[in-house]
Amino acid sequence: MIAVLNAVQLVLYIALLALLGQGVLFIIAGARRDSNFFYQLLQIVTKPFTRPVRWLTPKQVADRHVPVVAFMLLLVIYAVVTFEKINLCVSQNMAGCK
């Protein structure tokens, strides 16, 4: 079970870093971000996470805000997975938890 939680945590970590990088490039590149290769690459990496968020959010949420909502949602999920991992580790008296 700890291996599954580690894998989920790793996937969430990669997605969070990609969304953070996309946000930084959004600020740095400005209006030319759509022609930026790295911004496009980060959009491809984050698409599996932003697409379900776009589907879940109401139409009033602008498309430019969807990555921010996805980041916040993934951050909450990351925290839950981390706390569950700690709980599992402590409950099984693993040596690395002491």
Protein backbone atom coordinates (compact mmCIF):
# COMPACT_ATOMS: atom_id res chain seq x y z
CA MET A 1 0.00 0.00 0.00
CA ILE A 2 2.87 2.36 0.74
CA ALA A 3 4.16 1.86 -2.81
CA VAL A 4 0.78 2.86 -4.25
CA LEU A 5 0.69 5.99 -2.10
CA ASN A 6 4.26 6.82 -3.17
CA ALA A 7 3.30 6.45 -6.84
CA VAL A 8 0.20 8.63 -6.45
CA GLN A 9 2.22 11.21 -4.56
CA LEU A 10 4.85 11.25 -7.32
CA VAL A 11 2.26 11.76 -10.07
CA LEU A 12 0.64 14.57 -8.09
CA TYR A 13 4.04 16.15 -7.45
CA ILE A 14 4.89 16.15 -11.15
CA ALA A 15 1.50 17.67 -12.02
CA LEU A 16 1.87 20.35 -9.34
CA LEU A 17 5.33 21.31 -10.54
CA ALA A 18 4.14 21.42 -14.17
CA LEU A 19 1.22 23.68 -13.22
CA LEU A 20 3.53 25.88 -11.20
CA GLY A 21 5.95 26.13 -14.12
CA GLN A 22 3.07 26.94 -16.43
CA GLY A 23 2.03 29.74 -14.08
CA VAL A 24 5.54 31.17 -13.97
CA LEU A 25 5.75 31.12 -17.77
CA PHE A 26 2.30 32.71 -17.91
CA ILE A 27 3.73 35.65 -15.99
CA ILE A 28 7.11 35.81 -17.73
CA ALA A 29 6.08 35.22 -21.36
CA GLY A 30 2.93 37.34 -21.24
CA ALA A 31 0.90 37.40 -24.45
CA ARG A 32 3.55 35.46 -26.35
CA ARG A 33 3.18 32.39 -24.12
CA ASP A 34 1.15 30.47 -26.72
CA SER A 35 4.16 30.43 -29.05
CA ASN A 36 6.57 29.41 -26.25
CA PHE A 37 7.71 25.79 -26.67
CA PHE A 38 8.06 25.11 -22.94
CA TYR A 39 4.64 26.57 -22.17
CA GLN A 40 3.11 24.30 -24.81
CA LEU A 41 4.98 21.32 -23.36
CA LEU A 42 3.69 22.09 -19.88
CA GLN A 43 0.15 22.40 -21.27
CA ILE A 44 0.47 18.89 -22.68
CA VAL A 45 1.73 17.54 -19.34
CA THR A 46 -1.06 19.22 -17.36
CA LYS A 47 -3.90 18.48 -19.78
CA PRO A 48 -4.90 15.18 -18.03
CA PHE A 49 -5.44 17.23 -14.87
CA THR A 50 -6.97 20.41 -16.24
CA ARG A 51 -9.47 18.72 -18.56
CA PRO A 52 -11.43 16.98 -15.73
CA VAL A 53 -11.35 20.21 -13.72
CA ARG A 54 -12.80 22.10 -16.70
CA TRP A 55 -15.54 19.46 -16.87
CA LEU A 56 -16.27 19.75 -13.12
CA THR A 57 -16.29 23.53 -12.87
CA PRO A 58 -19.30 25.61 -13.90
CA LYS A 59 -19.29 27.56 -17.16
CA GLN A 60 -18.86 30.84 -15.25
CA VAL A 61 -15.26 29.88 -14.44
CA ALA A 62 -13.03 31.32 -17.15
CA ASP A 63 -10.72 28.97 -19.04
CA ARG A 64 -7.69 30.91 -17.87
CA HIS A 65 -8.63 30.14 -14.23
CA VAL A 66 -8.93 26.39 -14.72
CA PRO A 67 -5.20 25.70 -14.18
CA VAL A 68 -5.34 27.63 -10.89
CA VAL A 69 -8.35 25.61 -9.75
CA ALA A 70 -6.60 22.40 -10.83
CA PHE A 71 -3.48 23.42 -8.88
CA MET A 72 -5.49 24.06 -5.71
CA LEU A 73 -7.42 20.80 -6.07
CA LEU A 74 -4.23 18.80 -6.67
CA LEU A 75 -2.59 20.50 -3.71
CA VAL A 76 -5.44 19.36 -1.44
CA ILE A 77 -5.28 15.82 -2.86
CA TYR A 78 -1.49 15.82 -2.38
CA ALA A 79 -1.94 16.82 1.28
CA VAL A 80 -4.52 14.06 1.83
CA VAL A 81 -2.25 11.44 0.24
CA THR A 82 0.68 12.65 2.34
CA PHE A 83 -1.32 12.44 5.56
CA GLU A 84 -2.58 8.96 4.65
CA LYS A 85 0.98 7.87 3.92
CA ILE A 86 2.12 9.18 7.30
CA ASN A 87 -0.82 7.51 9.02
CA LEU A 88 -0.07 4.18 7.34
CA CYS A 89 3.62 4.47 8.13
CA VAL A 90 3.03 5.22 11.81
CA SER A 91 0.31 2.58 12.22
CA GLN A 92 2.64 -0.14 10.89
CA ASN A 93 5.55 1.02 13.07
CA MET A 94 7.89 1.34 10.11
CA ALA A 95 11.50 2.12 11.01
CA GLY A 96 11.62 5.21 8.79
CA CYS A 97 8.76 6.87 10.69
CA LYS A 98 10.49 7.05 14.06
